[in-house]
PDB file of N, CA and C in Angstrom:
ATOM      1  N   MET A   1      14.988 -47.734  15.767  1.00  0.00           N
ATOM      2  CA  MET A   1      15.455 -46.606  16.552  1.00  0.00           C
ATOM      3  C   MET A   1      15.717 -45.380  15.671  1.00  0.00           C
ATOM      4  N   ALA A   2      16.398 -45.568  14.552  1.00  0.00           N
ATOM      5  CA  ALA A   2      16.694 -44.465  13.647  1.00  0.00           C
ATOM      6  C   ALA A   2      15.406 -43.914  13.057  1.00  0.00           C
ATOM      7  N   LEU A   3      14.423 -44.793  12.835  1.00  0.00           N
ATOM      8  CA  LEU A   3      13.131 -44.354  12.297  1.00  0.00           C
ATOM      9  C   LEU A   3      12.433 -43.432  13.293  1.00  0.00           C
ATOM     10  N   ALA A   4      12.490 -43.763  14.574  1.00  0.00           N
ATOM     11  CA  ALA A   4      11.850 -42.948  15.605  1.00  0.00           C
ATOM     12  C   ALA A   4      12.523 -41.573  15.703  1.00  0.00           C
ATOM     13  N   ILE A   5      13.836 -41.560  15.612  1.00  0.00           N
ATOM     14  CA  ILE A   5      14.564 -40.283  15.668  1.00  0.00           C
ATOM     15  C   ILE A   5      14.235 -39.436  14.451  1.00  0.00           C
ATOM     16  N   GLY A   6      14.215 -40.049  13.281  1.00  0.00           N
ATOM     17  CA  GLY A   6      13.867 -39.327  12.053  1.00  0.00           C
ATOM     18  C   GLY A   6      12.455 -38.787  12.106  1.00  0.00           C
ATOM     19  N   LEU A   7      11.533 -39.616  12.617  1.00  0.00           N
ATOM     20  CA  LEU A   7      10.140 -39.187  12.740  1.00  0.00           C
ATOM     21  C   LEU A   7      10.021 -38.020  13.725  1.00  0.00           C
ATOM     22  N   ALA A   8      10.726 -38.085  14.848  1.00  0.00           N
ATOM     23  CA  ALA A   8      10.682 -37.012  15.848  1.00  0.00           C
ATOM     24  C   ALA A   8      11.261 -35.721  15.270  1.00  0.00           C
ATOM     25  N   LEU A   9      12.380 -35.835  14.561  1.00  0.00           N
ATOM     26  CA  LEU A   9      12.967 -34.643  13.948  1.00  0.00           C
ATOM     27  C   LEU A   9      12.055 -34.063  12.869  1.00  0.00           C
ATOM     28  N   GLY A  10      11.436 -34.929  12.104  1.00  0.00           N
ATOM     29  CA  GLY A  10      10.510 -34.474  11.067  1.00  0.00           C
ATOM     30  C   GLY A  10       9.314 -33.757  11.664  1.00  0.00           C
ATOM     31  N   LEU A  11       8.751 -34.309  12.743  1.00  0.00           N
ATOM     32  CA  LEU A  11       7.609 -33.666  13.398  1.00  0.00           C
ATOM     33  C   LEU A  11       8.009 -32.330  14.030  1.00  0.00           C
ATOM     34  N   ALA A  12       9.200 -32.280  14.607  1.00  0.00           N
ATOM     35  CA  ALA A  12       9.665 -31.027  15.204  1.00  0.00           C
ATOM     36  C   ALA A  12       9.865 -29.964  14.116  1.00  0.00           C
ATOM     37  N   ALA A  13      10.449 -30.356  13.001  1.00  0.00           N
ATOM     38  CA  ALA A  13      10.647 -29.411  11.902  1.00  0.00           C
ATOM     39  C   ALA A  13       9.309 -28.946  11.347  1.00  0.00           C
ATOM     40  N   PHE A  14       8.349 -29.859  11.221  1.00  0.00           N
ATOM     41  CA  PHE A  14       7.026 -29.502  10.730  1.00  0.00           C
ATOM     42  C   PHE A  14       6.343 -28.531  11.682  1.00  0.00           C
ATOM     43  N   ALA A  15       6.431 -28.792  12.987  1.00  0.00           N
ATOM     44  CA  ALA A  15       5.827 -27.899  13.976  1.00  0.00           C
ATOM     45  C   ALA A  15       6.466 -26.519  13.910  1.00  0.00           C
ATOM     46  N   PHE A  16       7.781 -26.473  13.764  1.00  0.00           N
ATOM     47  CA  PHE A  16       8.489 -25.195  13.664  1.00  0.00           C
ATOM     48  C   PHE A  16       8.035 -24.421  12.430  1.00  0.00           C
ATOM     49  N   LEU A  17       7.935 -25.107  11.301  1.00  0.00           N
ATOM     50  CA  LEU A  17       7.481 -24.441  10.068  1.00  0.00           C
ATOM     51  C   LEU A  17       6.035 -23.981  10.194  1.00  0.00           C
ATOM     52  N   LEU A  18       5.212 -24.777  10.849  1.00  0.00           N
ATOM     53  CA  LEU A  18       3.812 -24.395  11.039  1.00  0.00           C
ATOM     54  C   LEU A  18       3.718 -23.121  11.887  1.00  0.00           C
ATOM     55  N   ILE A  19       4.529 -23.036  12.933  1.00  0.00           N
ATOM     56  CA  ILE A  19       4.549 -21.836  13.776  1.00  0.00           C
ATOM     57  C   ILE A  19       5.003 -20.624  12.962  1.00  0.00           C
ATOM     58  N   LEU A  20       6.014 -20.799  12.140  1.00  0.00           N
ATOM     59  CA  LEU A  20       6.483 -19.692  11.294  1.00  0.00           C
ATOM     60  C   LEU A  20       5.400 -19.226  10.323  1.00  0.00           C
ATOM     61  N   VAL A  21       4.720 -20.168   9.689  1.00  0.00           N
ATOM     62  CA  VAL A  21       3.673 -19.812   8.726  1.00  0.00           C
ATOM     63  C   VAL A  21       2.532 -19.090   9.424  1.00  0.00           C
ATOM     64  N   LEU A  22       2.133 -19.571  10.593  1.00  0.00           N
ATOM     65  CA  LEU A  22       1.053 -18.905  11.327  1.00  0.00           C
ATOM     66  C   LEU A  22       1.464 -17.483  11.737  1.00  0.00           C
ATOM     67  N   GLY A  23       2.711 -17.303  12.132  1.00  0.00           N
ATOM     68  CA  GLY A  23       3.200 -15.967  12.465  1.00  0.00           C
ATOM     69  C   GLY A  23       3.192 -15.043  11.255  1.00  0.00           C
ATOM     70  N   LEU A  24       3.614 -15.577  10.114  1.00  0.00           N
ATOM     71  CA  LEU A  24       3.607 -14.763   8.892  1.00  0.00           C
ATOM     72  C   LEU A  24       2.193 -14.370   8.488  1.00  0.00           C
ATOM     73  N   VAL A  25       1.249 -15.289   8.624  1.00  0.00           N
ATOM     74  CA  VAL A  25      -0.146 -14.985   8.280  1.00  0.00           C
ATOM     75  C   VAL A  25      -0.689 -13.899   9.214  1.00  0.00           C
ATOM     76  N   ARG A  26      -0.354 -13.996  10.493  1.00  0.00           N
ATOM     77  CA  ARG A  26      -0.810 -12.986  11.456  1.00  0.00           C
ATOM     78  C   ARG A  26      -0.239 -11.612  11.101  1.00  0.00           C
ATOM     79  N   HIS A  27       1.039 -11.571  10.766  1.00  0.00           N
ATOM     80  CA  HIS A  27       1.653 -10.291  10.387  1.00  0.00           C
ATOM     81  C   HIS A  27       1.063  -9.764   9.080  1.00  0.00           C
ATOM     82  N   LEU A  28       0.737 -10.644   8.171  1.00  0.00           N
ATOM     83  CA  LEU A  28       0.115 -10.219   6.915  1.00  0.00           C
ATOM     84  C   LEU A  28      -1.244  -9.590   7.173  1.00  0.00           C
ATOM     85  N   LYS A  29      -2.008 -10.155   8.097  1.00  0.00           N
ATOM     86  CA  LYS A  29      -3.308  -9.576   8.443  1.00  0.00           C
ATOM     87  C   LYS A  29      -3.146  -8.187   9.055  1.00  0.00           C
ATOM     88  N   VAL A  30      -2.169  -8.023   9.937  1.00  0.00           N
ATOM     89  CA  VAL A  30      -1.921  -6.727  10.559  1.00  0.00           C
ATOM     90  C   VAL A  30      -1.500  -5.712   9.502  1.00  0.00           C
ATOM     91  N   LEU A  31      -0.621  -6.124   8.606  1.00  0.00           N
ATOM     92  CA  LEU A  31      -0.159  -5.232   7.540  1.00  0.00           C
ATOM     93  C   LEU A  31      -1.307  -4.835   6.611  1.00  0.00           C
ATOM     94  N   THR A  32      -2.162  -5.780   6.287  1.00  0.00           N
ATOM     95  CA  THR A  32      -3.312  -5.490   5.427  1.00  0.00           C
ATOM     96  C   THR A  32      -4.250  -4.496   6.094  1.00  0.00           C
ATOM     97  N   ALA A  33      -4.513  -4.679   7.368  1.00  0.00           N
ATOM     98  CA  ALA A  33      -5.389  -3.755   8.092  1.00  0.00           C
ATOM     99  C   ALA A  33      -4.769  -2.353   8.140  1.00  0.00           C
ATOM    100  N   SER A  34      -3.463  -2.278   8.356  1.00  0.00           N
ATOM    101  CA  SER A  34      -2.786  -0.977   8.384  1.00  0.00           C
ATOM    102  C   SER A  34      -2.856  -0.304   7.020  1.00  0.00           C
ATOM    103  N   LEU A  35      -2.692  -1.073   5.971  1.00  0.00           N
ATOM    104  CA  LEU A  35      -2.767  -0.522   4.619  1.00  0.00           C
ATOM    105  C   LEU A  35      -4.160   0.003   4.323  1.00  0.00           C
ATOM    106  N   ARG A  36      -5.181  -0.707   4.754  1.00  0.00           N
ATOM    107  CA  ARG A  36      -6.556  -0.224   4.547  1.00  0.00           C
ATOM    108  C   ARG A  36      -6.790   1.085   5.276  1.00  0.00           C
ATOM    109  N   ARG A  37      -6.333   1.178   6.531  1.00  0.00           N
ATOM    110  CA  ARG A  37      -6.499   2.424   7.287  1.00  0.00           C
ATOM    111  C   ARG A  37      -5.752   3.566   6.610  1.00  0.00           C
ATOM    112  N   PHE A  38      -4.546   3.292   6.137  1.00  0.00           N
ATOM    113  CA  PHE A  38      -3.756   4.314   5.443  1.00  0.00           C
ATOM    114  C   PHE A  38      -4.490   4.801   4.202  1.00  0.00           C
ATOM    115  N   GLN A  39      -5.018   3.874   3.412  1.00  0.00           N
ATOM    116  CA  GLN A  39      -5.739   4.265   2.202  1.00  0.00           C
ATOM    117  C   GLN A  39      -6.981   5.068   2.541  1.00  0.00           C
ATOM    118  N   ASP A  40      -7.697   4.676   3.598  1.00  0.00           N
ATOM    119  CA  ASP A  40      -8.894   5.413   4.001  1.00  0.00           C
ATOM    120  C   ASP A  40      -8.552   6.842   4.420  1.00  0.00           C
ATOM    121  N   GLU A  41      -7.392   7.032   5.044  1.00  0.00           N
ATOM    122  CA  GLU A  41      -7.004   8.366   5.481  1.00  0.00           C
ATOM    123  C   GLU A  41      -6.434   9.206   4.340  1.00  0.00           C
ATOM    124  N   VAL A  42      -5.759   8.580   3.401  1.00  0.00           N
ATOM    125  CA  VAL A  42      -5.084   9.311   2.335  1.00  0.00           C
ATOM    126  C   VAL A  42      -6.019   9.606   1.158  1.00  0.00           C
ATOM    127  N   GLN A  43      -6.999   8.762   0.923  1.00  0.00           N
ATOM    128  CA  GLN A  43      -7.871   8.899  -0.251  1.00  0.00           C
ATOM    129  C   GLN A  43      -8.537  10.278  -0.350  1.00  0.00           C
ATOM    130  N   PRO A  44      -9.137  10.815   0.733  1.00  0.00           N
ATOM    131  CA  PRO A  44      -9.741  12.153   0.604  1.00  0.00           C
ATOM    132  C   PRO A  44      -8.719  13.234   0.255  1.00  0.00           C
ATOM    133  N   VAL A  45      -7.517  13.136   0.794  1.00  0.00           N
ATOM    134  CA  VAL A  45      -6.476  14.125   0.493  1.00  0.00           C
ATOM    135  C   VAL A  45      -6.089  14.038  -0.985  1.00  0.00           C
ATOM    136  N   LEU A  46      -5.936  12.813  -1.491  1.00  0.00           N
ATOM    137  CA  LEU A  46      -5.590  12.651  -2.910  1.00  0.00           C
ATOM    138  C   LEU A  46      -6.685  13.197  -3.826  1.00  0.00           C
ATOM    139  N   GLU A  47      -7.933  12.969  -3.461  1.00  0.00           N
ATOM    140  CA  GLU A  47      -9.034  13.489  -4.281  1.00  0.00           C
ATOM    141  C   GLU A  47      -9.032  15.011  -4.288  1.00  0.00           C
ATOM    142  N   GLU A  48      -8.740  15.619  -3.144  1.00  0.00           N
ATOM    143  CA  GLU A  48      -8.673  17.088  -3.080  1.00  0.00           C
ATOM    144  C   GLU A  48      -7.526  17.612  -3.932  1.00  0.00           C
ATOM    145  N   ILE A  49      -6.392  16.953  -3.888  1.00  0.00           N
ATOM    146  CA  ILE A  49      -5.245  17.363  -4.715  1.00  0.00           C
ATOM    147  C   ILE A  49      -5.594  17.250  -6.191  1.00  0.00           C
ATOM    148  N   GLN A  50      -6.294  16.195  -6.574  1.00  0.00           N
ATOM    149  CA  GLN A  50      -6.694  16.040  -7.978  1.00  0.00           C
ATOM    150  C   GLN A  50      -7.629  17.161  -8.405  1.00  0.00           C
ATOM    151  N   ARG A  51      -8.595  17.508  -7.532  1.00  0.00           N
ATOM    152  CA  ARG A  51      -9.520  18.599  -7.870  1.00  0.00           C
ATOM    153  C   ARG A  51      -8.767  19.918  -8.016  1.00  0.00           C
ATOM    154  N   GLN A  52      -7.858  20.175  -7.105  1.00  0.00           N
ATOM    155  CA  GLN A  52      -7.090  21.422  -7.179  1.00  0.00           C
ATOM    156  C   GLN A  52      -6.186  21.442  -8.405  1.00  0.00           C
ATOM    157  N   SER A  53      -5.672  20.299  -8.783  1.00  0.00           N
ATOM    158  CA  SER A  53      -4.816  20.220  -9.960  1.00  0.00           C
ATOM    159  C   SER A  53      -5.612  20.538 -11.224  1.00  0.00           C
ATOM    160  N   VAL A  54      -6.803  19.994 -11.312  1.00  0.00           N
ATOM    161  CA  VAL A  54      -7.650  20.270 -12.479  1.00  0.00           C
ATOM    162  C   VAL A  54      -7.999  21.758 -12.523  1.00  0.00           C
ATOM    163  N   THR A  55      -8.340  22.323 -11.376  1.00  0.00           N
ATOM    164  CA  THR A  55      -8.675  23.745 -11.314  1.00  0.00           C
ATOM    165  C   THR A  55      -7.480  24.602 -11.729  1.00  0.00           C
ATOM    166  N   ALA A  56      -6.301  24.276 -11.232  1.00  0.00           N
ATOM    167  CA  ALA A  56      -5.100  25.039 -11.586  1.00  0.00           C
ATOM    168  C   ALA A  56      -4.792  24.919 -13.073  1.00  0.00           C
ATOM    169  N   GLN A  57      -4.988  23.730 -13.625  1.00  0.00           N
ATOM    170  CA  GLN A  57      -4.729  23.526 -15.045  1.00  0.00           C
ATOM    171  C   GLN A  57      -5.707  24.356 -15.888  1.00  0.00           C
ATOM    172  N   GLU A  58      -6.962  24.388 -15.465  1.00  0.00           N
ATOM    173  CA  GLU A  58      -7.952  25.185 -16.202  1.00  0.00           C
ATOM    174  C   GLU A  58      -7.619  26.676 -16.120  1.00  0.00           C
ATOM    175  N   ARG A  59      -7.178  27.124 -14.959  1.00  0.00           N
ATOM    176  CA  ARG A  59      -6.788  28.539 -14.829  1.00  0.00           C
ATOM    177  C   ARG A  59      -5.598  28.865 -15.724  1.00  0.00           C
ATOM    178  N   MET A  60      -4.619  27.960 -15.757  1.00  0.00           N
ATOM    179  CA  MET A  60      -3.432  28.181 -16.595  1.00  0.00           C
ATOM    180  C   MET A  60      -3.819  28.254 -18.067  1.00  0.00           C
ATOM    181  N   GLN A  61      -4.712  27.398 -18.495  1.00  0.00           N
ATOM    182  CA  GLN A  61      -5.158  27.444 -19.890  1.00  0.00           C
ATOM    183  C   GLN A  61      -5.915  28.736 -20.168  1.00  0.00           C
ATOM    184  N   GLY A  62      -6.694  29.201 -19.191  1.00  0.00           N
ATOM    185  CA  GLY A  62      -7.407  30.466 -19.349  1.00  0.00           C
ATOM    186  C   GLY A  62      -6.456  31.640 -19.466  1.00  0.00           C
ATOM    187  N   LEU A  63      -5.361  31.604 -18.701  1.00  0.00           N
ATOM    188  CA  LEU A  63      -4.375  32.683 -18.796  1.00  0.00           C
ATOM    189  C   LEU A  63      -3.683  32.672 -20.150  1.00  0.00           C
ATOM    190  N   ASN A  64      -3.388  31.496 -20.668  1.00  0.00           N
ATOM    191  CA  ASN A  64      -2.729  31.388 -21.968  1.00  0.00           C
ATOM    192  C   ASN A  64      -3.636  31.853 -23.100  1.00  0.00           C
ATOM    193  N   GLU A  65      -4.931  31.675 -22.926  1.00  0.00           N
ATOM    194  CA  GLU A  65      -5.872  32.036 -23.994  1.00  0.00           C
ATOM    195  C   GLU A  65      -6.486  33.417 -23.754  1.00  0.00           C
ATOM    196  N   GLY A  66      -6.126  34.081 -22.692  1.00  0.00           N
ATOM    197  CA  GLY A  66      -6.722  35.368 -22.335  1.00  0.00           C
ATOM    198  C   GLY A  66      -6.270  36.499 -23.244  1.00  0.00           C
ATOM    199  N   PRO A  67      -6.473  37.748 -22.805  1.00  0.00           N
ATOM    200  CA  PRO A  67      -6.185  38.918 -23.643  1.00  0.00           C
ATOM    201  C   PRO A  67      -4.729  38.996 -24.088  1.00  0.00           C
ATOM    202  N   GLY A  68      -3.799  38.627 -23.231  1.00  0.00           N
ATOM    203  CA  GLY A  68      -2.374  38.678 -23.610  1.00  0.00           C
ATOM    204  C   GLY A  68      -1.999  37.543 -24.540  1.00  0.00           C
ATOM    205  N   GLY A  69      -2.702  36.461 -24.468  1.00  0.00           N
ATOM    206  CA  GLY A  69      -2.435  35.336 -25.354  1.00  0.00           C
ATOM    207  C   GLY A  69      -1.345  34.401 -24.868  1.00  0.00           C
ATOM    208  N   ARG A  70      -0.349  34.927 -24.169  1.00  0.00           N
ATOM    209  CA  ARG A  70       0.745  34.090 -23.678  1.00  0.00           C
ATOM    210  C   ARG A  70       1.229  34.607 -22.341  1.00  0.00           C
ATOM    211  N   LEU A  71       1.800  33.734 -21.598  1.00  0.00           N
ATOM    212  CA  LEU A  71       2.458  34.147 -20.356  1.00  0.00           C
ATOM    213  C   LEU A  71       3.902  34.489 -20.660  1.00  0.00           C
ATOM    214  N   ARG A  72       4.412  35.518 -20.032  1.00  0.00           N
ATOM    215  CA  ARG A  72       5.825  35.834 -20.203  1.00  0.00           C
ATOM    216  C   ARG A  72       6.648  34.951 -19.293  1.00  0.00           C
ATOM    217  N   ARG A  73       7.810  34.587 -19.757  1.00  0.00           N
ATOM    218  CA  ARG A  73       8.687  33.778 -18.933  1.00  0.00           C
ATOM    219  C   ARG A  73       9.929  34.523 -18.606  1.00  0.00           C
TER     220      ARG A  73
END
């Protein structure tokens, strides 16, 4: 009798853990898909910022090396 109760409790606990793991895997898939969409949307903006940063840096170096030689602060 005690063996049957232990077995039933063990199976119930296993089923509960299995449901939790399946739920976590489902949420992980949703989170991964959301992260991919976010990266796809943000990547072009980041590339544009990098290009503008390089351009601004080149302009700043040109101003420092230009006729005045230095920027006043």
